[in-house]
Amino acid sequence: MTTLAKKLLLVLLASFLTVSLLGCQPAAQATEAAPNSSINIVIAEDPPSFNALVSDTGYDALVMEMVMLGMTDIDPNGNVFPELAAELPTVENGGVVVDETAGTMSVTWKMRKDVQWQDGKPVTAKDVMFTWDAISNPDTGSWMPGIDYIDSVKQLDDYSFAVNYSSIYPAYLTQFGGEQIVIWPAHYCDASQGFVSWDCARTPLSDGPYVLKDWVEGDHMTFEKNSNFYLKGKPAIDKVTVQIVPDDTVRRTMMEKGDADIDMWINVNTADNLKDSQTAKVSLSPTDRWALRLFMNEAAKGTTDSQATPHPILSDVNVRKAIRAAIDADTINKEIFHGLGHPVWNEFFRAPYNQCQVSRPSYNPEAAKSMLEAAGWTDTNGDGVRECHGCKTGAPDGYPMEMEFITYAEYGEPMTLTQQLAAEMLGKVGIKLNLNVVEGSVLWAEPENGGIEQNGNFDIDMWDDGYAGTDPTDYLWEAYSNEAMTPGNGWNFFRWNNPEFDGLIDQAYTLDQASQQKTFCKMAEILDQQVPEIYLFTIPNADAYSARLNGVQSSINDLVTWNIADWTLK
């Protein structure tokens, strides 16, 4: 939801600007920072905790990277590198053993022996087992990518363990690391409190480059360098303050005046305003992650079963195709995003998977009108809004083609302008949309917390989404599978039910890259034919950083603090 695990990001903010080369500067050689050096990171809201697997707002992952380590992580170019791991297990070095006959695999992990918690106790395989037991607890644990494919996790000795899979799992290198998962201390966390709510996620015991010193909610968090960090001489910066600044304009002004050193997930307006700044620069991810898209609910608004209660308008694939034909993504890109988006029309837009020969759908409002006519939607009273007259969705005769169109507030003006322009385009073909802007915390909340999407309380909504990491299979399951339609079980909140696609997801779990690519292209064809989503264009991750900072590089695979231990001050 990159993959994604459980929830897609609460505040998926992305942007780009004409000075993209500024974000691609090589990192300077590490030098020791001045005594008592400090930097200030500004974010829009408090992180819910330091456990990004539970809420995945982005802010939790930002601070988690500062204090906690996983077995591995991923750099901005998609290369997996070891953190707690002594090496990356592969078939070649004997760390991965595949049983072709049974279709199973086993992965043996060897850990570094020089990593300590901030209290001086060693980080060992016991901590890994503790973390796994907590996550996999059926009552108090959590879903994580690939958990259904694990048969068992076994400790081999103090610094090694084996993960035994019931199937082939291609994303095994980041299953105990990456953007969301870290190893938790067995001697410090209280297992009885449960993984999703234990206190140590709010007051973490660090094995990372920094330790949390204080947290005043709604105001700031203070971090100091970890004297027990295993990479000697790092971090070079002594103190990091994470300041809570909700207003985007205030954060931008702080960057311009030199009062802040990092502003994560900036939008296109902030990026454009900073392009001539002498105090702040913009780092762009090397490749795009976010795809701006429209999600169309195939279940009736307020329900969650598209088979039992189909949407009176959007359950017809021909209507969805007509909506796609009526939206001019290139004009939106040019007029609102400065022409810097990259056109996209299927899920597989990132290398090495962007090899599918699926033609780009045409912008053709006249064809859209014809498709709507053929689908039984006509405007008989001349008010500019079509009604059902023989439509195939079960809607009563005369039912108006009028729906709610939601987007989220945190991205700011570019998203709301896109919403308005898209609605205007659809209005020209006889579809009336009533616009609504909500907080992402409401739009993406869990079903028990009133989440709009999870509870099916929408017709069409729009935001920017994509997968983290190097393999999209978990994301595909989470976004499109039949199981993921169940509220709280995934993010197929548009309730698209396609058994053929569901079977292809299972086939995609393979280490055979050629076979996987073939499966992905079959998926791309189905998505093109069935239109569960409308893709507009992709955009990179963008973060603002102070001109006095070296080593900052935005990433599609992690938050900007992924390499904070390497940052230095000029």
Protein backbone atom coordinates (compact mmCIF):
# COMPACT_ATOMS: atom_id res chain seq x y z
CA MET A 1 0.00 0.00 0.00
CA THR A 2 6.18 -0.57 -1.04
CA THR A 3 6.04 -2.89 -0.98
CA LEU A 4 4.06 -1.61 0.99
CA ALA A 5 2.78 -3.12 3.74
CA LYS A 6 -0.53 -2.54 5.39
CA LYS A 7 -1.33 1.09 4.88
CA LEU A 8 -0.39 3.36 2.13
CA LEU A 9 1.19 6.46 3.33
CA LEU A 10 -0.93 8.79 5.37
CA VAL A 11 0.37 11.96 3.80
CA LEU A 12 1.62 11.04 0.35
CA LEU A 13 3.10 14.29 -0.72
CA ALA A 14 5.31 14.44 -3.79
CA SER A 15 6.66 17.02 -6.16
CA PHE A 16 9.29 18.12 -8.57
CA LEU A 17 10.71 21.27 -10.15
CA THR A 18 12.72 22.54 -13.05
CA VAL A 19 16.01 22.58 -11.14
CA SER A 20 16.05 18.81 -10.67
CA LEU A 21 19.82 18.70 -10.98
CA LEU A 22 20.04 20.35 -7.58
CA GLY A 23 18.74 17.15 -6.04
CA CYS A 24 21.37 14.99 -7.73
CA GLN A 25 24.55 16.51 -6.31
CA PRO A 26 27.11 13.96 -5.18
CA ALA A 27 27.54 13.74 -1.44
CA ALA A 28 30.60 15.53 -0.10
CA GLN A 29 33.38 13.65 1.60
CA ALA A 30 32.53 13.04 5.24
CA THR A 31 34.14 15.53 7.57
CA GLU A 32 33.77 15.96 11.28
CA ALA A 33 31.15 18.51 12.18
CA ALA A 34 31.82 21.40 14.51
CA PRO A 35 31.46 20.75 18.26
CA ASN A 36 27.83 20.84 19.46
CA SER A 37 26.58 20.90 15.86
CA SER A 38 22.83 20.66 15.37
CA ILE A 39 20.16 20.65 12.68
CA ASN A 40 16.40 21.25 12.62
CA ILE A 41 13.94 19.04 10.72
CA VAL A 42 10.40 20.39 10.26
CA ILE A 43 7.39 18.11 9.75
CA ALA A 44 3.64 18.73 9.60
CA GLU A 45 2.53 16.56 12.53
CA ASP A 46 3.76 14.31 15.32
CA PRO A 47 4.63 10.76 14.34
CA PRO A 48 2.19 8.31 15.95
CA SER A 49 5.17 6.28 17.19
CA PHE A 50 8.54 4.96 16.08
CA ASN A 51 6.93 1.84 14.63
CA ALA A 52 6.31 2.52 10.93
CA LEU A 53 4.78 -0.91 10.36
CA VAL A 54 1.76 -0.02 12.48
CA SER A 55 0.67 3.34 11.09
CA ASP A 56 3.04 4.13 8.22
CA THR A 57 2.41 7.87 8.14
CA GLY A 58 5.90 8.62 6.88
CA TYR A 59 6.67 10.68 9.96
CA ASP A 60 7.05 7.50 12.02
CA ALA A 61 9.49 6.09 9.45
CA LEU A 62 11.41 9.38 9.43
CA VAL A 63 12.20 9.22 13.15
CA MET A 64 12.45 5.42 13.20
CA GLU A 65 15.39 5.60 10.80
CA MET A 66 17.21 7.81 13.29
CA VAL A 67 17.09 5.39 16.21
CA MET A 68 16.37 1.84 15.00
CA LEU A 69 18.03 -0.60 12.60
CA GLY A 70 16.68 -3.42 10.47
CA MET A 71 18.56 -6.30 8.94
CA THR A 72 18.85 -4.33 5.68
CA ASP A 73 17.84 -1.10 4.01
CA ILE A 74 17.56 0.17 0.42
CA ASP A 75 19.42 3.09 -1.13
CA PRO A 76 17.79 5.60 -3.52
CA ASN A 77 18.88 3.57 -6.54
CA GLY A 78 17.18 0.42 -5.30
CA ASN A 79 20.30 -1.34 -4.01
CA VAL A 80 19.74 -3.35 -0.82
CA PHE A 81 22.55 -2.95 1.73
CA PRO A 82 23.11 -4.63 5.11
CA GLU A 83 22.56 -2.91 8.45
CA LEU A 84 22.35 -5.53 11.22
CA ALA A 85 23.16 -8.21 8.66
CA ALA A 86 26.81 -9.16 8.23
CA GLU A 87 26.10 -9.93 4.56
CA LEU A 88 23.21 -10.26 2.15
CA PRO A 89 22.12 -13.91 1.83
CA THR A 90 22.02 -15.12 -1.77
CA VAL A 91 21.84 -18.39 -3.65
CA GLU A 92 25.47 -17.87 -4.66
CA ASN A 93 26.84 -17.55 -1.10
CA GLY A 94 24.64 -20.35 0.24
CA GLY A 95 22.39 -18.05 2.27
CA VAL A 96 19.38 -18.92 0.13
CA VAL A 97 18.40 -22.52 -0.57
CA VAL A 98 15.55 -23.14 -3.02
CA ASP A 99 13.68 -26.43 -3.29
CA GLU A 100 12.45 -26.29 -6.88
CA THR A 101 10.38 -29.44 -6.52
CA ALA A 102 8.48 -28.27 -3.45
CA GLY A 103 8.48 -24.62 -4.49
CA THR A 104 9.90 -23.54 -1.12
CA MET A 105 12.97 -21.68 0.09
CA SER A 106 15.04 -21.12 3.20
CA VAL A 107 17.11 -18.02 3.97
CA THR A 108 19.90 -17.97 6.55
CA TRP A 109 20.85 -14.60 8.00
CA LYS A 110 24.18 -13.85 9.69
CA MET A 111 24.28 -10.80 11.93
CA ARG A 112 27.00 -8.31 12.81
CA LYS A 113 28.51 -8.89 16.25
CA ASP A 114 29.48 -5.29 16.98
CA VAL A 115 26.06 -3.60 17.27
CA GLN A 116 24.81 -2.57 20.72
CA TRP A 117 21.67 -1.04 22.14
CA GLN A 118 22.18 2.34 23.74
CA ASP A 119 22.38 0.65 27.15
CA GLY A 120 25.41 -1.35 25.99
CA LYS A 121 23.70 -4.75 25.57
CA PRO A 122 24.41 -6.52 22.25
CA VAL A 123 21.87 -6.78 19.44
CA THR A 124 21.48 -10.50 18.75
CA ALA A 125 19.31 -13.10 17.04
CA LYS A 126 17.29 -13.24 20.27
CA ASP A 127 16.02 -9.76 19.42
CA VAL A 128 15.07 -10.92 15.93
CA MET A 129 13.11 -13.85 17.36
CA PHE A 130 11.43 -11.52 19.86
CA THR A 131 10.44 -9.15 17.04
CA TRP A 132 9.12 -11.96 14.86
CA ASP A 133 7.10 -13.47 17.71
CA ALA A 134 5.58 -10.06 18.44
CA ILE A 135 4.66 -9.32 14.82
CA SER A 136 3.26 -12.79 14.14
CA ASN A 137 1.19 -12.97 17.33
CA PRO A 138 -2.36 -13.56 16.04
CA ASP A 139 -3.93 -11.42 18.78
CA THR A 140 -1.56 -8.49 19.28
CA GLY A 141 0.67 -8.61 16.21
CA SER A 142 0.53 -7.03 12.77
CA TRP A 143 0.55 -7.90 9.10
CA MET A 144 3.85 -7.40 7.33
CA PRO A 145 4.82 -7.99 3.70
CA GLY A 146 5.23 -11.69 2.95
CA ILE A 147 4.16 -12.89 6.41
CA ASP A 148 1.77 -15.41 4.87
CA TYR A 149 4.66 -17.09 3.08
CA ILE A 150 6.72 -17.76 6.22
CA ASP A 151 6.49 -21.24 7.69
CA SER A 152 8.88 -20.60 10.56
CA VAL A 153 11.75 -18.48 11.87
CA LYS A 154 14.43 -20.38 13.78
CA GLN A 155 17.35 -19.06 15.81
CA LEU A 156 20.55 -20.93 14.91
CA ASP A 157 22.95 -19.30 17.37
CA ASP A 158 23.48 -15.91 19.02
CA TYR A 159 24.09 -14.18 15.71
CA SER A 160 22.24 -16.16 13.05
CA PHE A 161 18.72 -17.28 12.23
CA ALA A 162 16.85 -18.96 9.38
CA VAL A 163 13.57 -17.99 7.73
CA ASN A 164 11.75 -20.93 6.14
CA TYR A 165 9.22 -20.10 3.44
CA SER A 166 6.29 -22.16 2.20
CA SER A 167 6.69 -20.57 -1.23
CA ILE A 168 9.18 -18.52 -3.20
CA TYR A 169 9.34 -15.01 -1.79
CA PRO A 170 11.30 -12.60 -4.06
CA ALA A 171 11.39 -9.68 -1.57
CA TYR A 172 13.10 -11.69 1.19
CA LEU A 173 16.06 -9.27 1.42
CA THR A 174 13.91 -6.51 2.89
CA GLN A 175 11.40 -8.56 4.84
CA PHE A 176 13.14 -7.76 8.13
CA GLY A 177 14.29 -4.31 7.07
CA GLY A 178 13.59 -1.65 4.49
CA GLU A 179 11.25 1.28 5.06
CA GLN A 180 8.95 -0.17 7.72
CA ILE A 181 10.49 -3.00 9.73
CA VAL A 182 13.21 -2.83 12.39
CA ILE A 183 14.43 -5.17 15.10
CA TRP A 184 13.16 -4.44 18.64
CA PRO A 185 15.05 -5.14 21.92
CA ALA A 186 13.86 -8.26 23.72
CA HIS A 187 15.13 -7.06 27.11
CA TYR A 188 13.41 -3.68 26.88
CA CYS A 189 10.03 -3.98 25.11
CA ASP A 190 7.13 -5.50 27.01
CA ALA A 191 5.77 -8.34 24.88
CA SER A 192 2.58 -8.50 26.95
CA GLN A 193 1.60 -5.03 25.69
CA GLY A 194 1.57 -6.30 22.10
CA PHE A 195 3.49 -5.19 19.04
CA VAL A 196 0.98 -2.59 17.86
CA SER A 197 0.77 -0.76 21.18
CA TRP A 198 3.84 -1.41 23.29
CA ASP A 199 5.43 1.52 25.12
CA CYS A 200 8.85 1.02 23.58
CA ALA A 201 7.49 2.28 20.26
CA ARG A 202 7.02 5.67 21.93
CA THR A 203 10.22 5.63 24.02
CA PRO A 204 12.57 3.53 21.89
CA LEU A 205 15.86 2.01 22.99
CA SER A 206 18.22 2.96 20.19
CA ASP A 207 20.75 0.95 18.25
CA GLY A 208 20.80 3.58 15.49
CA PRO A 209 22.81 6.78 15.06
CA TYR A 210 20.70 8.87 17.48
CA VAL A 211 18.84 8.47 20.75
CA LEU A 212 15.58 10.18 21.68
CA LYS A 213 16.10 12.64 24.55
CA ASP A 214 12.67 14.29 24.79
CA TRP A 215 9.34 14.53 23.00
CA VAL A 216 6.93 17.40 23.61
CA GLU A 217 3.89 16.50 21.53
CA GLY A 218 2.73 19.17 19.14
CA ASP A 219 6.02 21.02 19.53
CA HIS A 220 9.28 19.11 19.07
CA MET A 221 11.41 16.00 19.49
CA THR A 222 15.08 16.13 20.46
CA PHE A 223 17.71 13.57 19.45
CA GLU A 224 21.36 13.31 20.44
CA LYS A 225 24.08 11.22 18.84
CA ASN A 226 24.36 7.64 20.08
CA SER A 227 27.74 7.11 21.71
CA ASN A 228 27.30 3.35 21.23
CA PHE A 229 26.61 3.50 17.49
CA TYR A 230 28.56 0.76 15.73
CA LEU A 231 29.87 2.96 12.88
CA LYS A 232 32.73 4.73 14.61
CA GLY A 233 32.95 8.47 14.03
CA LYS A 234 29.32 8.66 12.98
CA PRO A 235 27.05 10.51 13.08
CA ALA A 236 28.98 13.74 12.61
CA ILE A 237 26.11 15.96 13.75
CA ASP A 238 25.57 16.01 17.51
CA LYS A 239 21.94 17.04 17.85
CA VAL A 240 18.80 16.83 15.74
CA THR A 241 15.56 18.63 16.56
CA VAL A 242 12.37 17.53 14.83
CA GLN A 243 9.98 20.46 15.05
CA ILE A 244 6.21 20.16 14.48
CA VAL A 245 5.14 22.91 12.06
CA PRO A 246 1.74 22.15 10.51
CA ASP A 247 1.61 25.03 8.04
CA ASP A 248 3.36 24.40 4.71
CA THR A 249 4.00 28.11 4.14
CA VAL A 250 5.67 28.48 7.53
CA ARG A 251 7.91 25.49 6.86
CA ARG A 252 8.92 26.93 3.51
CA THR A 253 9.69 30.31 5.09
CA MET A 254 11.83 28.59 7.74
CA MET A 255 13.81 26.88 4.99
CA GLU A 256 14.26 30.16 3.12
CA LYS A 257 15.46 31.96 6.25
CA GLY A 258 17.78 29.18 7.35
CA ASP A 259 15.71 28.33 10.43
CA ALA A 260 15.16 24.76 9.24
CA ASP A 261 17.48 22.25 7.59
CA ILE A 262 15.05 19.58 6.27
CA ASP A 263 11.45 19.80 5.09
CA MET A 264 10.33 16.38 3.90
CA TRP A 265 7.82 15.65 1.15
CA ILE A 266 7.55 19.17 -0.21
CA ASN A 267 4.92 19.92 -2.84
CA VAL A 268 5.45 21.49 -6.24
CA ASN A 269 4.72 25.04 -5.03
CA THR A 270 7.32 24.83 -2.28
CA ALA A 271 9.84 23.36 -4.70
CA ASP A 272 9.21 26.12 -7.20
CA ASN A 273 9.54 28.83 -4.54
CA LEU A 274 12.88 27.41 -3.40
CA LYS A 275 14.45 27.11 -6.84
CA ASP A 276 16.38 30.42 -6.53
CA SER A 277 17.05 30.19 -2.81
CA GLN A 278 20.61 30.56 -1.55
CA THR A 279 19.85 28.89 1.77
CA ALA A 280 17.75 25.89 0.71
CA LYS A 281 18.00 23.31 -2.05
CA VAL A 282 15.74 20.54 -3.28
CA SER A 283 16.67 16.88 -3.54
CA LEU A 284 14.69 14.70 -5.94
CA SER A 285 14.61 10.93 -5.92
CA PRO A 286 16.58 9.41 -8.84
CA THR A 287 13.42 7.75 -10.17
CA ASP A 288 9.70 8.39 -9.79
CA ARG A 289 7.67 6.67 -7.10
CA TRP A 290 4.34 8.40 -6.88
CA ALA A 291 1.65 7.92 -9.52
CA LEU A 292 -1.18 10.44 -9.35
CA ARG A 293 -4.37 8.44 -9.88
CA LEU A 294 -8.13 8.34 -9.51
CA PHE A 295 -9.69 5.48 -7.54
CA MET A 296 -13.26 4.56 -8.54
CA ASN A 297 -15.40 2.70 -6.03
CA GLU A 298 -17.09 -0.32 -7.63
CA ALA A 299 -19.27 -0.89 -4.56
CA ALA A 300 -22.21 1.36 -3.74
CA LYS A 301 -21.11 4.27 -1.57
CA GLY A 302 -21.22 3.26 2.09
CA THR A 303 -20.87 -0.46 1.34
CA THR A 304 -17.87 -2.74 0.93
CA ASP A 305 -19.10 -5.57 -1.33
CA SER A 306 -19.05 -4.77 -5.03
CA GLN A 307 -20.73 -8.07 -5.87
CA ALA A 308 -23.69 -7.72 -3.49
CA THR A 309 -24.08 -3.95 -3.79
CA PRO A 310 -22.50 -2.71 -7.03
CA HIS A 311 -21.99 0.99 -7.53
CA PRO A 312 -24.90 2.46 -9.53
CA ILE A 313 -22.49 4.23 -11.91
CA LEU A 314 -18.90 2.99 -11.55
CA SER A 315 -19.56 -0.76 -11.57
CA ASP A 316 -19.74 -0.59 -15.39
CA VAL A 317 -16.27 -0.88 -16.92
CA ASN A 318 -17.43 1.15 -19.93
CA VAL A 319 -18.20 4.08 -17.65
CA ARG A 320 -14.74 3.80 -16.13
CA LYS A 321 -13.22 3.77 -19.62
CA ALA A 322 -15.24 6.83 -20.54
CA ILE A 323 -13.99 8.70 -17.46
CA ARG A 324 -10.42 7.80 -18.43
CA ALA A 325 -10.96 9.09 -21.99
CA ALA A 326 -12.44 12.35 -20.72
CA ILE A 327 -9.48 13.42 -18.54
CA ASP A 328 -6.58 15.21 -20.24
CA ALA A 329 -3.64 14.23 -18.03
CA ASP A 330 -1.16 16.15 -20.21
CA THR A 331 -3.02 19.43 -19.68
CA ILE A 332 -3.13 18.85 -15.91
CA ASN A 333 0.59 18.12 -15.97
CA LYS A 334 1.37 21.21 -18.04
CA GLU A 335 -0.89 23.73 -16.32
CA ILE A 336 -0.53 22.62 -12.69
CA PHE A 337 2.66 20.57 -12.43
CA HIS A 338 4.78 22.66 -14.82
CA GLY A 339 5.00 19.85 -17.37
CA LEU A 340 7.41 17.90 -15.20
CA GLY A 341 5.33 14.76 -14.67
CA HIS A 342 5.99 11.63 -16.67
CA PRO A 343 2.96 10.09 -18.41
CA VAL A 344 1.94 6.70 -17.03
CA TRP A 345 -0.93 4.39 -17.88
CA ASN A 346 -0.26 1.16 -16.00
CA GLU A 347 1.16 0.01 -12.69
CA PHE A 348 4.53 -1.09 -14.08
CA PHE A 349 6.20 2.26 -14.73
CA ARG A 350 9.49 1.72 -12.87
CA ALA A 351 12.53 -0.09 -14.20
CA PRO A 352 13.15 -2.94 -14.64
CA TYR A 353 9.44 -3.74 -14.97
CA ASN A 354 8.46 -1.03 -17.48
CA GLN A 355 8.67 -3.42 -20.43
CA CYS A 356 4.99 -4.15 -21.09
CA GLN A 357 3.64 -3.29 -24.54
CA VAL A 358 0.42 -1.65 -23.43
CA SER A 359 -0.54 1.37 -25.53
CA ARG A 360 -1.34 4.62 -23.82
CA PRO A 361 -5.12 5.30 -23.77
CA SER A 362 -6.09 8.39 -25.76
CA TYR A 363 -7.63 11.55 -24.39
CA ASN A 364 -10.83 11.70 -26.43
CA PRO A 365 -13.86 13.43 -24.89
CA GLU A 366 -16.03 12.72 -27.94
CA ALA A 367 -15.30 9.00 -27.61
CA ALA A 368 -16.11 9.31 -23.89
CA LYS A 369 -19.52 10.74 -24.74
CA SER A 370 -20.19 7.89 -27.17
CA MET A 371 -19.18 5.30 -24.59
CA LEU A 372 -21.54 6.81 -22.03
CA GLU A 373 -24.38 6.87 -24.55
CA ALA A 374 -23.78 3.21 -25.39
CA ALA A 375 -23.68 2.37 -21.66
CA GLY A 376 -27.19 3.80 -21.22
CA TRP A 377 -26.34 7.22 -19.79
CA THR A 378 -28.03 10.10 -21.59
CA ASP A 379 -29.06 13.67 -20.79
CA THR A 380 -32.76 13.82 -21.59
CA ASN A 381 -33.70 17.00 -19.71
CA GLY A 382 -30.86 19.13 -21.06
CA ASP A 383 -29.37 20.10 -17.67
CA GLY A 384 -25.91 18.89 -18.67
CA VAL A 385 -25.98 15.86 -16.37
CA ARG A 386 -26.60 12.40 -17.80
CA GLU A 387 -29.18 10.03 -16.32
CA CYS A 388 -29.59 6.27 -16.44
CA HIS A 389 -31.84 5.21 -19.29
CA GLY A 390 -31.16 1.54 -19.83
CA CYS A 391 -27.81 1.59 -18.00
CA LYS A 392 -26.36 -1.78 -17.01
CA THR A 393 -25.52 -1.15 -13.36
CA GLY A 394 -28.90 -1.72 -11.75
CA ALA A 395 -29.48 1.98 -11.19
CA PRO A 396 -33.14 3.05 -11.50
CA ASP A 397 -34.32 4.84 -14.61
CA GLY A 398 -33.52 8.55 -14.36
CA TYR A 399 -30.72 8.10 -11.80
CA PRO A 400 -28.41 11.12 -12.28
CA MET A 401 -24.72 10.73 -13.11
CA GLU A 402 -23.68 12.74 -10.07
CA MET A 403 -20.98 11.69 -7.59
CA GLU A 404 -18.70 12.94 -4.84
CA PHE A 405 -15.03 13.50 -5.75
CA ILE A 406 -12.58 13.57 -2.81
CA THR A 407 -8.93 14.45 -2.49
CA TYR A 408 -6.69 15.04 0.53
CA ALA A 409 -5.73 18.39 2.02
CA GLU A 410 -2.09 17.92 2.98
CA TYR A 411 -0.63 18.10 -0.51
CA GLY A 412 -2.02 21.59 -0.91
CA GLU A 413 -3.04 23.70 -3.87
CA PRO A 414 -1.67 21.56 -6.75
CA MET A 415 -3.87 18.63 -5.73
CA THR A 416 -7.01 20.71 -5.25
CA LEU A 417 -6.44 22.48 -8.59
CA THR A 418 -6.05 19.07 -10.24
CA GLN A 419 -9.31 17.97 -8.61
CA GLN A 420 -11.10 21.05 -9.96
CA LEU A 421 -9.71 20.69 -13.48
CA ALA A 422 -10.51 16.97 -13.69
CA ALA A 423 -14.05 17.67 -12.48
CA GLU A 424 -14.42 20.38 -15.12
CA MET A 425 -13.31 17.94 -17.84
CA LEU A 426 -15.78 15.30 -16.69
CA GLY A 427 -18.53 17.89 -16.46
CA LYS A 428 -18.10 18.55 -20.17
CA VAL A 429 -19.11 14.95 -20.96
CA GLY A 430 -22.11 14.99 -18.63
CA ILE A 431 -20.69 13.72 -15.33
CA LYS A 432 -21.33 16.01 -12.37
CA LEU A 433 -18.82 15.80 -9.52
CA ASN A 434 -19.25 17.42 -6.12
CA LEU A 435 -15.83 18.28 -4.74
CA ASN A 436 -14.68 17.52 -1.22
CA VAL A 437 -11.26 17.94 0.42
CA VAL A 438 -10.53 15.98 3.60
CA GLU A 439 -7.58 15.35 5.88
CA GLY A 440 -5.53 12.32 4.92
CA SER A 441 -5.87 11.05 8.49
CA VAL A 442 -9.61 10.71 7.85
CA LEU A 443 -9.39 9.46 4.28
CA TRP A 444 -6.89 6.67 5.06
CA ALA A 445 -7.84 5.78 8.64
CA GLU A 446 -8.54 2.19 9.65
CA PRO A 447 -12.20 1.08 9.41
CA GLU A 448 -12.70 1.11 13.18
CA ASN A 449 -11.50 4.73 13.21
CA GLY A 450 -13.97 5.84 10.55
CA GLY A 451 -11.65 5.62 7.53
CA ILE A 452 -13.50 6.91 4.46
CA GLU A 453 -11.88 4.52 2.00
CA GLN A 454 -11.82 1.45 4.22
CA ASN A 455 -15.53 1.87 4.93
CA GLY A 456 -16.40 2.57 1.29
CA ASN A 457 -17.77 6.06 1.99
CA PHE A 458 -16.75 7.59 -1.34
CA ASP A 459 -17.47 7.48 -5.06
CA ILE A 460 -14.20 8.70 -6.59
CA ASP A 461 -11.09 9.91 -4.81
CA MET A 462 -7.63 10.98 -5.94
CA TRP A 463 -4.15 10.88 -4.48
CA ASP A 464 -0.59 9.87 -5.30
CA ASP A 465 0.45 6.30 -4.61
CA GLY A 466 3.20 3.83 -5.44
CA TYR A 467 5.37 1.09 -4.01
CA ALA A 468 8.60 1.35 -2.08
CA GLY A 469 11.45 -1.09 -2.44
CA THR A 470 12.63 -3.10 -5.40
CA ASP A 471 9.80 -5.59 -5.96
CA PRO A 472 6.10 -4.74 -6.41
CA THR A 473 4.54 -8.13 -5.65
CA ASP A 474 3.48 -7.35 -2.07
CA TYR A 475 2.09 -4.00 -3.21
CA LEU A 476 0.08 -5.71 -5.94
CA TRP A 477 -1.43 -8.09 -3.41
CA GLU A 478 -2.21 -5.27 -1.02
CA ALA A 479 -3.75 -3.04 -3.67
CA TYR A 480 -5.60 -5.43 -5.97
CA SER A 481 -6.17 -8.84 -4.38
CA ASN A 482 -9.57 -10.21 -3.44
CA GLU A 483 -8.48 -10.57 0.21
CA ALA A 484 -7.45 -6.91 0.31
CA MET A 485 -11.05 -5.83 -0.32
CA THR A 486 -11.97 -6.74 3.25
CA PRO A 487 -11.91 -3.56 5.37
CA GLY A 488 -8.69 -3.42 7.37
CA ASN A 489 -7.11 -6.28 5.44
CA GLY A 490 -5.55 -4.30 2.62
CA TRP A 491 -6.05 -1.37 0.30
CA ASN A 492 -8.31 -2.67 -2.44
CA PHE A 493 -10.79 -0.12 -1.10
CA PHE A 494 -12.20 0.43 -4.62
CA ARG A 495 -13.43 -3.19 -4.36
CA TRP A 496 -12.20 -4.42 -7.73
CA ASN A 497 -12.79 -8.15 -7.97
CA ASN A 498 -10.86 -10.00 -10.68
CA PRO A 499 -10.11 -13.72 -10.10
CA GLU A 500 -7.72 -13.90 -13.06
CA PHE A 501 -5.63 -11.05 -11.68
CA ASP A 502 -5.75 -12.66 -8.23
CA GLY A 503 -4.21 -15.84 -9.66
CA LEU A 504 -1.49 -13.84 -11.40
CA ILE A 505 -0.48 -12.26 -8.08
CA ASP A 506 0.36 -15.73 -6.77
CA GLN A 507 2.40 -16.45 -9.92
CA ALA A 508 4.37 -13.22 -9.43
CA TYR A 509 5.98 -14.61 -6.27
CA THR A 510 9.02 -16.14 -7.96
CA LEU A 511 12.78 -15.61 -8.18
CA ASP A 512 12.59 -16.25 -11.94
CA GLN A 513 12.72 -12.67 -13.21
CA ALA A 514 11.74 -13.55 -16.79
CA SER A 515 8.67 -15.43 -15.60
CA GLN A 516 7.78 -12.62 -13.21
CA GLN A 517 8.05 -10.02 -15.97
CA LYS A 518 5.74 -12.05 -18.19
CA THR A 519 3.21 -12.22 -15.36
CA PHE A 520 3.46 -8.47 -14.74
CA CYS A 521 2.69 -7.74 -18.39
CA LYS A 522 -0.41 -9.96 -18.26
CA MET A 523 -1.46 -7.93 -15.24
CA ALA A 524 -0.85 -4.68 -17.11
CA GLU A 525 -3.17 -5.83 -19.90
CA ILE A 526 -5.95 -6.67 -17.45
CA LEU A 527 -5.59 -3.33 -15.65
CA ASP A 528 -5.78 -1.56 -19.01
CA GLN A 529 -8.93 -3.46 -19.98
CA GLN A 530 -10.74 -3.24 -16.64
CA VAL A 531 -9.67 0.25 -15.48
CA PRO A 532 -9.93 -0.17 -11.69
CA GLU A 533 -7.84 3.02 -11.44
CA ILE A 534 -6.99 5.91 -13.76
CA TYR A 535 -3.30 6.77 -13.89
CA LEU A 536 -2.36 10.35 -14.77
CA PHE A 537 1.40 10.78 -14.42
CA THR A 538 4.28 9.95 -12.09
CA ILE A 539 6.28 12.28 -9.91
CA PRO A 540 9.46 11.81 -7.85
CA ASN A 541 9.93 12.18 -4.13
CA ALA A 542 11.14 15.67 -3.19
CA ASP A 543 12.69 16.98 0.02
CA ALA A 544 14.04 20.44 0.82
CA TYR A 545 17.39 20.66 2.60
CA SER A 546 19.69 23.37 3.87
CA ALA A 547 22.58 24.49 1.68
CA ARG A 548 24.83 23.93 4.71
CA LEU A 549 24.09 20.17 4.73
CA ASN A 550 26.05 17.55 2.81
CA GLY A 551 24.87 14.04 2.00
CA VAL A 552 21.09 14.51 1.72
CA GLN A 553 19.47 12.43 -1.03
CA SER A 554 15.76 11.93 -1.49
CA SER A 555 14.67 8.35 -2.11
CA ILE A 556 11.67 6.42 -3.38
CA ASN A 557 12.63 3.53 -1.10
CA ASP A 558 12.79 5.24 2.26
CA LEU A 559 12.44 8.54 4.07
CA VAL A 560 15.03 11.29 3.71
CA THR A 561 16.71 10.24 7.00
CA TRP A 562 17.70 6.86 5.51
CA ASN A 563 21.38 7.94 5.62
CA ILE A 564 21.31 10.58 8.38
CA ALA A 565 24.41 9.01 9.96
CA ASP A 566 26.35 10.17 6.88
CA TRP A 567 25.17 13.78 6.88
CA THR A 568 27.74 16.46 7.57
CA LEU A 569 27.70 20.22 7.92
CA LYS A 570 29.71 22.42 5.61
